[in-house]
N, C-alpha and C. Protein backbone atom coordinates (compact mmCIF):
# COMPACT_ATOMS: atom_id res chain seq x y z
N MET A 1 51.73 -19.50 49.35
CA MET A 1 51.50 -20.16 48.07
C MET A 1 50.29 -19.58 47.35
N GLU A 2 49.18 -19.37 48.09
CA GLU A 2 47.95 -18.93 47.45
C GLU A 2 48.09 -17.55 46.82
N LEU A 3 49.02 -16.72 47.36
CA LEU A 3 49.17 -15.37 46.82
C LEU A 3 49.74 -15.39 45.41
N ASN A 4 50.44 -16.45 45.05
CA ASN A 4 51.04 -16.55 43.72
C ASN A 4 50.16 -17.29 42.73
N ASN A 5 48.97 -17.68 43.17
CA ASN A 5 48.08 -18.45 42.32
C ASN A 5 46.83 -17.62 42.05
N PRO A 6 46.67 -17.10 40.82
CA PRO A 6 45.50 -16.28 40.52
C PRO A 6 44.18 -17.01 40.78
N GLY A 7 44.19 -18.35 40.60
CA GLY A 7 42.99 -19.13 40.86
C GLY A 7 42.57 -19.07 42.31
N ILE A 8 43.54 -19.13 43.21
CA ILE A 8 43.24 -19.05 44.64
C ILE A 8 42.76 -17.64 45.00
N THR A 9 43.37 -16.64 44.37
CA THR A 9 42.91 -15.27 44.59
C THR A 9 41.45 -15.12 44.19
N LEU A 10 41.08 -15.74 43.07
CA LEU A 10 39.70 -15.71 42.61
C LEU A 10 38.77 -16.37 43.63
N ILE A 11 39.14 -17.55 44.09
CA ILE A 11 38.27 -18.28 45.02
C ILE A 11 38.12 -17.55 46.34
N THR A 12 39.22 -17.00 46.85
CA THR A 12 39.16 -16.34 48.16
C THR A 12 38.48 -14.97 48.08
N ARG A 13 38.16 -14.53 46.89
CA ARG A 13 37.31 -13.34 46.75
C ARG A 13 35.90 -13.64 47.25
N TYR A 14 35.51 -14.91 47.14
CA TYR A 14 34.14 -15.30 47.50
C TYR A 14 34.07 -16.20 48.73
N PHE A 15 35.11 -16.97 48.96
CA PHE A 15 35.15 -17.89 50.10
C PHE A 15 36.47 -17.67 50.84
N SER A 16 36.39 -17.43 52.12
CA SER A 16 37.62 -17.07 52.84
C SER A 16 37.96 -18.00 54.00
N ASP A 17 37.04 -18.84 54.39
CA ASP A 17 37.24 -19.64 55.61
C ASP A 17 37.94 -20.95 55.29
N PHE A 18 39.18 -20.84 54.83
CA PHE A 18 39.95 -22.04 54.48
C PHE A 18 41.12 -22.21 55.44
N SER A 19 41.42 -23.45 55.76
CA SER A 19 42.63 -23.75 56.52
C SER A 19 43.82 -23.75 55.55
N ALA A 20 45.02 -23.78 56.11
CA ALA A 20 46.22 -23.85 55.27
C ALA A 20 46.22 -25.12 54.43
N THR A 21 45.73 -26.21 55.00
CA THR A 21 45.65 -27.48 54.26
C THR A 21 44.72 -27.35 53.07
N GLN A 22 43.57 -26.75 53.28
CA GLN A 22 42.61 -26.59 52.18
C GLN A 22 43.18 -25.70 51.08
N LEU A 23 43.83 -24.61 51.45
CA LEU A 23 44.43 -23.73 50.44
C LEU A 23 45.52 -24.45 49.66
N ASN A 24 46.28 -25.26 50.35
CA ASN A 24 47.33 -26.03 49.67
C ASN A 24 46.72 -27.02 48.69
N GLN A 25 45.65 -27.71 49.12
CA GLN A 25 44.99 -28.67 48.23
C GLN A 25 44.43 -27.97 47.00
N LEU A 26 43.78 -26.83 47.19
CA LEU A 26 43.25 -26.08 46.06
C LEU A 26 44.35 -25.62 45.13
N SER A 27 45.47 -25.18 45.70
CA SER A 27 46.60 -24.72 44.88
C SER A 27 47.19 -25.83 44.04
N MET A 28 47.23 -27.03 44.60
CA MET A 28 47.83 -28.18 43.89
C MET A 28 47.02 -28.62 42.69
N LEU A 29 45.73 -28.28 42.66
CA LEU A 29 44.88 -28.77 41.58
C LEU A 29 45.33 -28.27 40.22
N ASP A 30 45.88 -27.09 40.14
CA ASP A 30 46.29 -26.51 38.87
C ASP A 30 47.30 -27.40 38.16
N ASP A 31 48.42 -27.68 38.80
CA ASP A 31 49.46 -28.50 38.17
C ASP A 31 49.00 -29.94 37.96
N LEU A 32 48.23 -30.47 38.91
CA LEU A 32 47.79 -31.86 38.80
C LEU A 32 46.86 -32.06 37.61
N TYR A 33 45.92 -31.16 37.44
CA TYR A 33 45.00 -31.30 36.29
C TYR A 33 45.74 -31.08 34.97
N LYS A 34 46.67 -30.15 34.95
CA LYS A 34 47.45 -29.94 33.72
C LYS A 34 48.24 -31.19 33.37
N GLU A 35 48.87 -31.78 34.38
CA GLU A 35 49.67 -32.99 34.14
C GLU A 35 48.80 -34.15 33.66
N TRP A 36 47.71 -34.38 34.34
CA TRP A 36 46.87 -35.53 33.99
C TRP A 36 46.08 -35.30 32.71
N ASN A 37 45.73 -34.06 32.44
CA ASN A 37 44.95 -33.78 31.23
C ASN A 37 45.76 -34.03 29.97
N GLU A 38 47.10 -33.99 30.09
CA GLU A 38 47.94 -34.34 28.95
C GLU A 38 47.87 -35.83 28.64
N LYS A 39 47.60 -36.63 29.67
CA LYS A 39 47.54 -38.09 29.49
C LYS A 39 46.11 -38.56 29.20
N ILE A 40 45.17 -38.04 29.95
CA ILE A 40 43.77 -38.45 29.84
C ILE A 40 42.93 -37.18 29.83
N ASN A 41 42.25 -36.95 28.74
CA ASN A 41 41.52 -35.68 28.58
C ASN A 41 40.23 -35.70 29.40
N VAL A 42 40.29 -35.10 30.59
CA VAL A 42 39.11 -35.04 31.44
C VAL A 42 38.50 -33.64 31.47
N ILE A 43 39.23 -32.66 30.98
CA ILE A 43 38.75 -31.29 30.88
C ILE A 43 39.07 -30.80 29.47
N SER A 44 38.14 -30.09 28.87
CA SER A 44 38.39 -29.53 27.54
C SER A 44 39.70 -28.76 27.54
N ARG A 45 40.52 -28.98 26.52
CA ARG A 45 41.83 -28.31 26.45
C ARG A 45 41.69 -26.79 26.57
N LYS A 46 40.67 -26.23 25.90
CA LYS A 46 40.51 -24.77 25.93
C LYS A 46 40.06 -24.27 27.29
N ASP A 47 39.56 -25.19 28.13
CA ASP A 47 39.08 -24.79 29.45
C ASP A 47 40.17 -24.86 30.52
N MET A 48 41.30 -25.45 30.21
CA MET A 48 42.32 -25.65 31.25
C MET A 48 42.78 -24.32 31.85
N GLU A 49 42.90 -23.29 31.03
CA GLU A 49 43.33 -21.99 31.57
C GLU A 49 42.27 -21.41 32.49
N GLY A 50 41.04 -21.87 32.33
CA GLY A 50 39.96 -21.39 33.19
C GLY A 50 39.55 -22.39 34.24
N LEU A 51 40.49 -23.23 34.66
CA LEU A 51 40.17 -24.30 35.61
C LEU A 51 39.49 -23.77 36.87
N TYR A 52 40.07 -22.73 37.47
CA TYR A 52 39.53 -22.25 38.74
C TYR A 52 38.19 -21.54 38.56
N LEU A 53 38.02 -20.84 37.45
CA LEU A 53 36.76 -20.14 37.20
C LEU A 53 35.67 -21.12 36.76
N LYS A 54 35.94 -21.87 35.71
CA LYS A 54 34.91 -22.66 35.03
C LYS A 54 34.60 -23.99 35.71
N HIS A 55 35.50 -24.47 36.53
CA HIS A 55 35.29 -25.78 37.15
C HIS A 55 35.26 -25.71 38.68
N ILE A 56 36.29 -25.11 39.27
CA ILE A 56 36.38 -25.13 40.74
C ILE A 56 35.39 -24.14 41.36
N LEU A 57 35.45 -22.87 40.95
CA LEU A 57 34.53 -21.88 41.51
C LEU A 57 33.08 -22.22 41.15
N HIS A 58 32.87 -22.69 39.93
CA HIS A 58 31.53 -23.11 39.51
C HIS A 58 30.99 -24.20 40.45
N SER A 59 31.82 -25.19 40.74
CA SER A 59 31.41 -26.26 41.65
C SER A 59 31.05 -25.72 43.02
N MET A 60 31.80 -24.73 43.46
CA MET A 60 31.61 -24.18 44.80
C MET A 60 30.33 -23.35 44.93
N ALA A 61 29.66 -23.06 43.82
CA ALA A 61 28.40 -22.33 43.90
C ALA A 61 27.40 -23.08 44.77
N ILE A 62 27.49 -24.40 44.78
CA ILE A 62 26.60 -25.19 45.64
C ILE A 62 26.85 -24.84 47.10
N ALA A 63 28.13 -24.63 47.44
CA ALA A 63 28.48 -24.29 48.83
C ALA A 63 28.02 -22.90 49.22
N ALA A 64 27.75 -22.05 48.23
CA ALA A 64 27.21 -20.72 48.53
C ALA A 64 25.73 -20.82 48.90
N ILE A 65 25.10 -21.92 48.54
CA ILE A 65 23.69 -22.14 48.84
C ILE A 65 23.50 -22.97 50.10
N VAL A 66 24.28 -24.01 50.24
CA VAL A 66 24.10 -24.95 51.36
C VAL A 66 25.43 -25.20 52.05
N ASP A 67 25.42 -25.14 53.37
CA ASP A 67 26.61 -25.41 54.17
C ASP A 67 26.52 -26.83 54.70
N PHE A 68 27.15 -27.75 53.99
CA PHE A 68 27.06 -29.17 54.37
C PHE A 68 27.69 -29.44 55.74
N SER A 69 28.50 -28.52 56.23
CA SER A 69 29.12 -28.73 57.53
C SER A 69 28.10 -28.66 58.67
N GLU A 70 26.90 -28.17 58.37
CA GLU A 70 25.85 -28.13 59.39
C GLU A 70 25.39 -29.53 59.79
N GLY A 71 25.50 -30.46 58.87
CA GLY A 71 25.03 -31.82 59.15
C GLY A 71 26.09 -32.65 59.85
N GLU A 72 25.67 -33.79 60.35
CA GLU A 72 26.61 -34.71 61.00
C GLU A 72 26.71 -36.00 60.19
N ASN A 73 27.95 -36.40 59.91
CA ASN A 73 28.21 -37.66 59.20
C ASN A 73 27.47 -37.73 57.86
N LEU A 74 27.44 -36.61 57.16
CA LEU A 74 26.76 -36.59 55.87
C LEU A 74 27.52 -37.42 54.84
N GLU A 75 26.74 -38.06 53.96
CA GLU A 75 27.30 -38.78 52.81
C GLU A 75 26.65 -38.24 51.55
N ILE A 76 27.49 -37.84 50.60
CA ILE A 76 27.01 -37.17 49.39
C ILE A 76 27.53 -37.91 48.16
N LEU A 77 26.65 -38.09 47.19
CA LEU A 77 27.00 -38.76 45.94
C LEU A 77 27.09 -37.73 44.82
N ASP A 78 28.17 -37.77 44.06
CA ASP A 78 28.35 -36.95 42.86
C ASP A 78 28.09 -37.84 41.65
N ILE A 79 26.98 -37.60 40.97
CA ILE A 79 26.58 -38.42 39.81
C ILE A 79 27.29 -37.93 38.56
N GLY A 80 27.95 -38.85 37.84
CA GLY A 80 28.63 -38.49 36.60
C GLY A 80 29.70 -37.45 36.83
N THR A 81 30.59 -37.73 37.75
CA THR A 81 31.55 -36.72 38.22
C THR A 81 32.56 -36.29 37.16
N GLY A 82 32.78 -37.11 36.14
CA GLY A 82 33.73 -36.72 35.08
C GLY A 82 35.12 -36.53 35.63
N GLY A 83 35.64 -35.31 35.52
CA GLY A 83 36.96 -35.01 36.04
C GLY A 83 37.00 -34.69 37.53
N GLY A 84 35.85 -34.88 38.20
CA GLY A 84 35.81 -34.65 39.64
C GLY A 84 35.06 -33.41 40.07
N PHE A 85 34.11 -33.00 39.22
CA PHE A 85 33.35 -31.77 39.52
C PHE A 85 31.86 -32.06 39.55
N PRO A 86 31.18 -31.59 40.58
CA PRO A 86 31.63 -30.68 41.63
C PRO A 86 32.28 -31.35 42.84
N GLY A 87 32.47 -32.67 42.79
CA GLY A 87 32.86 -33.42 43.98
C GLY A 87 34.16 -33.01 44.65
N ILE A 88 35.23 -32.85 43.86
CA ILE A 88 36.53 -32.56 44.48
C ILE A 88 36.53 -31.19 45.17
N PRO A 89 36.10 -30.10 44.53
CA PRO A 89 36.09 -28.82 45.25
C PRO A 89 35.21 -28.86 46.51
N LEU A 90 34.07 -29.53 46.42
CA LEU A 90 33.18 -29.60 47.59
C LEU A 90 33.80 -30.44 48.70
N ALA A 91 34.50 -31.51 48.33
CA ALA A 91 35.16 -32.35 49.34
C ALA A 91 36.27 -31.58 50.06
N ILE A 92 36.97 -30.73 49.32
CA ILE A 92 37.99 -29.89 49.96
C ILE A 92 37.33 -28.90 50.91
N MET A 93 36.21 -28.32 50.49
CA MET A 93 35.53 -27.33 51.32
C MET A 93 34.93 -27.93 52.59
N PHE A 94 34.48 -29.19 52.47
CA PHE A 94 33.80 -29.84 53.60
C PHE A 94 34.51 -31.15 53.94
N PRO A 95 35.67 -31.06 54.60
CA PRO A 95 36.47 -32.26 54.85
C PRO A 95 35.82 -33.26 55.81
N GLU A 96 34.79 -32.81 56.54
CA GLU A 96 34.12 -33.69 57.47
C GLU A 96 32.97 -34.47 56.82
N VAL A 97 32.71 -34.20 55.55
CA VAL A 97 31.63 -34.86 54.82
C VAL A 97 32.22 -35.94 53.91
N LYS A 98 31.56 -37.09 53.82
CA LYS A 98 32.03 -38.17 52.95
C LYS A 98 31.40 -38.03 51.57
N PHE A 99 32.26 -38.02 50.56
CA PHE A 99 31.80 -37.89 49.18
C PHE A 99 32.10 -39.17 48.40
N THR A 100 31.12 -39.63 47.63
CA THR A 100 31.30 -40.72 46.68
C THR A 100 31.18 -40.14 45.29
N LEU A 101 32.23 -40.27 44.49
CA LEU A 101 32.25 -39.74 43.13
C LEU A 101 32.08 -40.90 42.16
N ALA A 102 30.95 -40.92 41.45
CA ALA A 102 30.62 -42.05 40.58
C ALA A 102 30.66 -41.63 39.11
N ASP A 103 31.21 -42.51 38.29
CA ASP A 103 31.22 -42.28 36.85
C ASP A 103 31.34 -43.63 36.16
N SER A 104 30.81 -43.71 34.94
CA SER A 104 30.86 -44.96 34.18
C SER A 104 32.15 -45.10 33.38
N ILE A 105 32.97 -44.03 33.35
CA ILE A 105 34.22 -44.05 32.57
C ILE A 105 35.40 -44.18 33.52
N GLY A 106 36.02 -45.36 33.50
CA GLY A 106 37.06 -45.68 34.47
C GLY A 106 38.28 -44.79 34.40
N LYS A 107 38.68 -44.36 33.19
CA LYS A 107 39.92 -43.57 33.08
C LYS A 107 39.77 -42.21 33.77
N LYS A 108 38.55 -41.68 33.82
CA LYS A 108 38.34 -40.42 34.53
C LYS A 108 38.51 -40.62 36.03
N LEU A 109 38.03 -41.74 36.54
CA LEU A 109 38.19 -42.03 37.96
C LEU A 109 39.65 -42.27 38.31
N LYS A 110 40.42 -42.78 37.36
CA LYS A 110 41.86 -42.96 37.58
C LYS A 110 42.52 -41.61 37.86
N VAL A 111 42.11 -40.59 37.12
CA VAL A 111 42.64 -39.24 37.33
C VAL A 111 42.22 -38.73 38.71
N ILE A 112 40.95 -38.92 39.04
CA ILE A 112 40.47 -38.47 40.35
C ILE A 112 41.24 -39.14 41.47
N ASP A 113 41.40 -40.45 41.38
CA ASP A 113 42.13 -41.19 42.43
C ASP A 113 43.54 -40.66 42.60
N ALA A 114 44.19 -40.35 41.47
CA ALA A 114 45.56 -39.83 41.55
C ALA A 114 45.60 -38.44 42.18
N ILE A 115 44.64 -37.60 41.83
CA ILE A 115 44.58 -36.25 42.41
C ILE A 115 44.27 -36.31 43.89
N VAL A 116 43.34 -37.18 44.27
CA VAL A 116 42.98 -37.35 45.68
C VAL A 116 44.20 -37.80 46.49
N GLU A 117 44.96 -38.74 45.94
CA GLU A 117 46.14 -39.23 46.65
C GLU A 117 47.21 -38.14 46.76
N ALA A 118 47.44 -37.41 45.67
CA ALA A 118 48.49 -36.39 45.66
C ALA A 118 48.19 -35.24 46.61
N THR A 119 46.92 -34.88 46.73
CA THR A 119 46.54 -33.74 47.55
C THR A 119 46.26 -34.12 49.00
N GLY A 120 46.14 -35.40 49.26
CA GLY A 120 45.84 -35.83 50.62
C GLY A 120 44.38 -35.64 51.02
N ILE A 121 43.50 -35.56 50.03
CA ILE A 121 42.07 -35.50 50.33
C ILE A 121 41.65 -36.87 50.84
N ASN A 122 41.06 -36.93 52.02
CA ASN A 122 40.77 -38.25 52.61
C ASN A 122 39.28 -38.51 52.81
N ASN A 123 38.43 -37.71 52.14
CA ASN A 123 36.99 -37.93 52.31
C ASN A 123 36.29 -38.21 50.98
N ILE A 124 37.05 -38.75 50.02
CA ILE A 124 36.49 -39.10 48.72
C ILE A 124 36.69 -40.59 48.44
N THR A 125 35.60 -41.23 48.00
CA THR A 125 35.64 -42.59 47.47
C THR A 125 35.13 -42.53 46.04
N THR A 126 35.75 -43.27 45.14
CA THR A 126 35.27 -43.31 43.76
C THR A 126 34.59 -44.64 43.49
N ARG A 127 33.60 -44.59 42.59
CA ARG A 127 32.91 -45.81 42.18
C ARG A 127 32.78 -45.83 40.67
N HIS A 128 33.29 -46.89 40.06
CA HIS A 128 33.22 -47.07 38.61
C HIS A 128 31.92 -47.80 38.30
N THR A 129 30.88 -47.03 38.04
CA THR A 129 29.57 -47.65 37.83
C THR A 129 28.63 -46.64 37.19
N ARG A 130 27.59 -47.14 36.57
CA ARG A 130 26.47 -46.30 36.17
C ARG A 130 25.62 -46.07 37.41
N VAL A 131 25.13 -44.86 37.58
CA VAL A 131 24.44 -44.53 38.83
C VAL A 131 23.22 -45.41 39.04
N GLU A 132 22.55 -45.79 37.96
CA GLU A 132 21.35 -46.61 38.10
C GLU A 132 21.65 -48.02 38.58
N GLU A 133 22.94 -48.38 38.61
CA GLU A 133 23.33 -49.70 39.09
C GLU A 133 23.75 -49.70 40.56
N ILE A 134 23.76 -48.52 41.19
CA ILE A 134 24.07 -48.45 42.62
C ILE A 134 22.83 -48.88 43.40
N ASN A 135 22.96 -49.91 44.19
CA ASN A 135 21.79 -50.40 44.94
C ASN A 135 22.15 -50.84 46.36
N ASP A 136 23.35 -50.49 46.80
CA ASP A 136 23.81 -50.99 48.10
C ASP A 136 24.01 -49.86 49.12
N LYS A 137 23.58 -48.63 48.77
CA LYS A 137 23.89 -47.51 49.64
C LYS A 137 22.91 -46.37 49.37
N LYS A 138 22.62 -45.60 50.41
CA LYS A 138 21.81 -44.40 50.25
C LYS A 138 22.60 -43.20 50.77
N PHE A 139 22.21 -42.01 50.30
CA PHE A 139 22.97 -40.80 50.57
C PHE A 139 22.05 -39.71 51.11
N ASP A 140 22.67 -38.77 51.84
CA ASP A 140 21.91 -37.63 52.36
C ASP A 140 21.60 -36.63 51.26
N PHE A 141 22.57 -36.41 50.38
CA PHE A 141 22.40 -35.48 49.27
C PHE A 141 23.09 -36.03 48.03
N ILE A 142 22.63 -35.57 46.88
CA ILE A 142 23.25 -35.88 45.60
C ILE A 142 23.60 -34.57 44.92
N VAL A 143 24.77 -34.51 44.30
CA VAL A 143 25.18 -33.35 43.52
C VAL A 143 25.53 -33.81 42.11
N SER A 144 25.40 -32.89 41.16
CA SER A 144 25.77 -33.24 39.79
C SER A 144 25.89 -31.97 38.97
N ARG A 145 26.67 -32.05 37.89
CA ARG A 145 26.87 -30.88 37.04
C ARG A 145 26.58 -31.24 35.59
N ALA A 146 25.41 -30.79 35.10
CA ALA A 146 25.08 -30.82 33.66
C ALA A 146 25.33 -32.17 33.01
N VAL A 147 25.04 -33.25 33.72
CA VAL A 147 25.32 -34.59 33.20
C VAL A 147 24.20 -35.10 32.31
N ALA A 148 22.97 -34.81 32.69
CA ALA A 148 21.79 -35.35 32.01
C ALA A 148 20.60 -34.46 32.32
N PRO A 149 19.48 -34.65 31.61
CA PRO A 149 18.27 -33.88 31.94
C PRO A 149 17.83 -34.11 33.39
N ILE A 150 17.16 -33.11 33.94
CA ILE A 150 16.72 -33.18 35.34
C ILE A 150 15.87 -34.43 35.58
N LYS A 151 14.99 -34.75 34.63
CA LYS A 151 14.10 -35.90 34.85
C LYS A 151 14.89 -37.20 34.99
N ASP A 152 15.98 -37.33 34.25
CA ASP A 152 16.80 -38.54 34.35
C ASP A 152 17.60 -38.55 35.65
N LEU A 153 18.17 -37.42 35.99
CA LEU A 153 18.93 -37.34 37.24
C LEU A 153 18.03 -37.67 38.44
N TRP A 154 16.79 -37.19 38.39
CA TRP A 154 15.86 -37.46 39.49
C TRP A 154 15.48 -38.95 39.50
N LYS A 155 15.24 -39.52 38.33
CA LYS A 155 14.89 -40.94 38.25
C LYS A 155 15.99 -41.81 38.82
N TRP A 156 17.25 -41.46 38.50
CA TRP A 156 18.38 -42.24 39.02
C TRP A 156 18.64 -41.95 40.49
N GLY A 157 18.52 -40.67 40.84
CA GLY A 157 18.96 -40.27 42.18
C GLY A 157 17.95 -40.48 43.28
N LYS A 158 16.66 -40.32 42.97
CA LYS A 158 15.63 -40.40 44.02
C LYS A 158 15.72 -41.68 44.84
N PRO A 159 15.89 -42.88 44.22
CA PRO A 159 15.96 -44.10 45.03
C PRO A 159 17.19 -44.17 45.94
N LEU A 160 18.19 -43.32 45.67
CA LEU A 160 19.43 -43.36 46.44
C LEU A 160 19.46 -42.35 47.59
N LEU A 161 18.39 -41.57 47.71
CA LEU A 161 18.33 -40.57 48.78
C LEU A 161 17.75 -41.16 50.05
N LYS A 162 18.40 -40.88 51.16
CA LYS A 162 17.83 -41.26 52.45
C LYS A 162 16.54 -40.47 52.66
N LYS A 163 15.60 -41.07 53.33
CA LYS A 163 14.34 -40.37 53.61
C LYS A 163 14.52 -39.45 54.80
N GLY A 164 13.76 -38.36 54.81
CA GLY A 164 13.80 -37.47 55.96
C GLY A 164 14.73 -36.30 55.78
N ARG A 165 15.35 -35.91 56.87
CA ARG A 165 16.13 -34.67 56.90
C ARG A 165 17.43 -34.90 57.66
N SER A 166 18.55 -34.58 57.02
CA SER A 166 19.86 -34.72 57.66
C SER A 166 20.41 -33.38 58.13
N MET A 167 19.76 -32.28 57.70
CA MET A 167 20.16 -30.93 58.09
C MET A 167 18.91 -30.13 58.39
N GLU A 168 19.03 -29.14 59.26
CA GLU A 168 17.88 -28.29 59.57
C GLU A 168 17.45 -27.46 58.37
N SER A 169 18.42 -26.94 57.63
CA SER A 169 18.10 -25.96 56.60
C SER A 169 17.57 -26.57 55.29
N PHE A 170 17.91 -27.82 55.00
CA PHE A 170 17.47 -28.44 53.76
C PHE A 170 17.06 -29.90 54.01
N LYS A 171 15.95 -30.29 53.39
CA LYS A 171 15.62 -31.71 53.36
C LYS A 171 16.65 -32.43 52.47
N ASN A 172 16.80 -33.71 52.69
CA ASN A 172 17.65 -34.49 51.79
C ASN A 172 17.16 -34.29 50.35
N GLY A 173 18.09 -34.20 49.43
CA GLY A 173 17.70 -33.96 48.05
C GLY A 173 18.90 -33.81 47.13
N MET A 174 18.66 -33.23 45.95
CA MET A 174 19.68 -33.09 44.92
C MET A 174 19.98 -31.62 44.67
N PHE A 175 21.27 -31.32 44.55
CA PHE A 175 21.73 -29.99 44.13
C PHE A 175 22.40 -30.14 42.77
N LEU A 176 21.86 -29.46 41.77
CA LEU A 176 22.32 -29.62 40.39
C LEU A 176 22.85 -28.30 39.86
N LEU A 177 23.96 -28.36 39.14
CA LEU A 177 24.49 -27.21 38.42
C LEU A 177 24.03 -27.31 36.97
N LYS A 178 23.28 -26.30 36.53
CA LYS A 178 22.69 -26.32 35.20
C LYS A 178 22.86 -24.96 34.55
N GLY A 179 22.72 -24.93 33.21
CA GLY A 179 22.85 -23.67 32.49
C GLY A 179 21.85 -23.55 31.36
N GLY A 180 21.63 -22.31 30.92
CA GLY A 180 20.76 -22.05 29.79
C GLY A 180 19.30 -21.93 30.18
N ASP A 181 18.43 -22.00 29.17
CA ASP A 181 16.99 -21.93 29.39
C ASP A 181 16.51 -23.30 29.85
N LEU A 182 16.11 -23.38 31.11
CA LEU A 182 15.75 -24.66 31.72
C LEU A 182 14.25 -24.91 31.77
N SER A 183 13.46 -24.01 31.20
CA SER A 183 12.01 -24.11 31.36
C SER A 183 11.45 -25.44 30.85
N GLN A 184 11.87 -25.86 29.67
CA GLN A 184 11.36 -27.11 29.10
C GLN A 184 11.86 -28.31 29.91
N GLU A 185 13.11 -28.27 30.30
CA GLU A 185 13.69 -29.37 31.07
C GLU A 185 13.00 -29.52 32.42
N ILE A 186 12.71 -28.40 33.07
CA ILE A 186 12.00 -28.44 34.35
C ILE A 186 10.58 -28.94 34.14
N PHE A 187 9.91 -28.46 33.09
CA PHE A 187 8.54 -28.91 32.79
C PHE A 187 8.50 -30.42 32.60
N GLU A 188 9.44 -30.96 31.84
CA GLU A 188 9.45 -32.40 31.56
C GLU A 188 9.79 -33.24 32.78
N SER A 189 10.42 -32.62 33.77
CA SER A 189 10.80 -33.36 34.98
C SER A 189 9.64 -33.56 35.95
N ASN A 190 8.56 -32.77 35.77
CA ASN A 190 7.42 -32.79 36.70
C ASN A 190 7.85 -32.42 38.12
N LEU A 191 8.94 -31.70 38.25
CA LEU A 191 9.42 -31.24 39.54
C LEU A 191 9.30 -29.71 39.60
N ARG A 192 9.37 -29.19 40.80
CA ARG A 192 9.38 -27.73 40.98
C ARG A 192 10.62 -27.37 41.80
N PRO A 193 11.79 -27.47 41.18
CA PRO A 193 13.02 -27.24 41.94
C PRO A 193 13.18 -25.78 42.36
N HIS A 194 13.82 -25.58 43.49
CA HIS A 194 14.26 -24.24 43.88
C HIS A 194 15.44 -23.87 42.97
N SER A 195 15.52 -22.61 42.60
CA SER A 195 16.55 -22.18 41.65
C SER A 195 17.23 -20.91 42.12
N TRP A 196 18.56 -20.88 41.99
CA TRP A 196 19.35 -19.69 42.31
C TRP A 196 20.20 -19.33 41.10
N GLU A 197 20.22 -18.07 40.71
CA GLU A 197 21.10 -17.63 39.64
C GLU A 197 22.52 -17.48 40.19
N ILE A 198 23.46 -18.17 39.57
CA ILE A 198 24.85 -18.08 40.05
C ILE A 198 25.41 -16.69 39.82
N SER A 199 24.86 -15.97 38.84
CA SER A 199 25.33 -14.60 38.60
C SER A 199 24.98 -13.67 39.76
N SER A 200 24.08 -14.10 40.65
CA SER A 200 23.79 -13.30 41.85
C SER A 200 24.80 -13.61 42.96
N ILE A 201 25.61 -14.65 42.76
CA ILE A 201 26.63 -15.04 43.73
C ILE A 201 28.01 -14.55 43.29
N TYR A 202 28.32 -14.75 42.01
CA TYR A 202 29.61 -14.35 41.44
C TYR A 202 29.39 -13.26 40.39
N GLU A 203 30.37 -12.37 40.24
CA GLU A 203 30.20 -11.26 39.31
C GLU A 203 30.75 -11.53 37.91
N GLU A 204 31.49 -12.63 37.74
CA GLU A 204 32.12 -12.91 36.43
C GLU A 204 31.05 -13.24 35.37
N ASP A 205 31.27 -12.75 34.14
CA ASP A 205 30.31 -12.95 33.06
C ASP A 205 30.06 -14.43 32.75
N PHE A 206 31.04 -15.27 33.02
CA PHE A 206 30.90 -16.69 32.73
C PHE A 206 29.66 -17.29 33.39
N PHE A 207 29.23 -16.74 34.51
CA PHE A 207 28.15 -17.34 35.29
C PHE A 207 26.76 -16.85 34.90
N LYS A 208 26.66 -16.00 33.89
CA LYS A 208 25.35 -15.60 33.41
C LYS A 208 24.62 -16.82 32.84
N GLU A 209 23.34 -16.93 33.16
CA GLU A 209 22.50 -18.04 32.70
C GLU A 209 22.98 -19.39 33.23
N LYS A 210 23.61 -19.37 34.40
CA LYS A 210 23.96 -20.61 35.09
C LYS A 210 23.26 -20.61 36.44
N PHE A 211 22.85 -21.81 36.86
CA PHE A 211 21.97 -21.92 38.02
C PHE A 211 22.38 -23.07 38.92
N VAL A 212 22.01 -22.93 40.21
CA VAL A 212 21.98 -24.05 41.13
C VAL A 212 20.52 -24.41 41.34
N LEU A 213 20.18 -25.67 41.09
CA LEU A 213 18.83 -26.16 41.32
C LEU A 213 18.84 -27.10 42.52
N TYR A 214 17.79 -27.03 43.31
CA TYR A 214 17.65 -27.92 44.47
C TYR A 214 16.31 -28.64 44.36
N CYS A 215 16.38 -29.96 44.31
CA CYS A 215 15.19 -30.82 44.27
C CYS A 215 15.11 -31.59 45.57
N PRO A 216 14.22 -31.18 46.49
CA PRO A 216 14.12 -31.88 47.77
C PRO A 216 13.47 -33.24 47.60
N SER A 217 13.80 -34.16 48.48
CA SER A 217 13.17 -35.47 48.46
C SER A 217 11.69 -35.30 48.74
N LEU A 218 10.88 -36.14 48.14
CA LEU A 218 9.41 -36.01 48.25
C LEU A 218 8.91 -36.77 49.48
């Protein structure tokens, strides 16, 4: 199946350690997002043809930095997941990790729930809530993609992070997908995040001026 899907060919150029189940789940995303996007617009119409490049592979840039499979019983929160990014691709990559995908817009979570059911992804829970209203659970890591300024994401996310270290390689913290000139945004956050250029991971022009930021728990 993956050989007939250009999106899978793109992903396996950079990530190759997939089971048949994972490849099947990734392959199914194309038709599922096209079908659901006709009913509920969760991805820009002009971006649908670039689903695997602009959404799935972009989400997986976090996995090029951190291997969540190193930890045991990790729980990760995706803040403002929208159409399920970066949460769904990361959940497929790390089936042993529990992901909570949170968003304040219920119709987007309806799409996620349907995709999760259709693909058989069994490590995703959705929560229809504003992240600042979550007060009953803490997480090992938080991920998010361009939802809000770093200072706001940190303000919302910091109280939800478990203290200490769940993995040898990284302290508990936040991994953020961001783009453009981030100097002012980082300055206003009063944080000193670690930063990786995604263009050093992937060769496609789309990833120029896109970054993975890591804000460790204090």
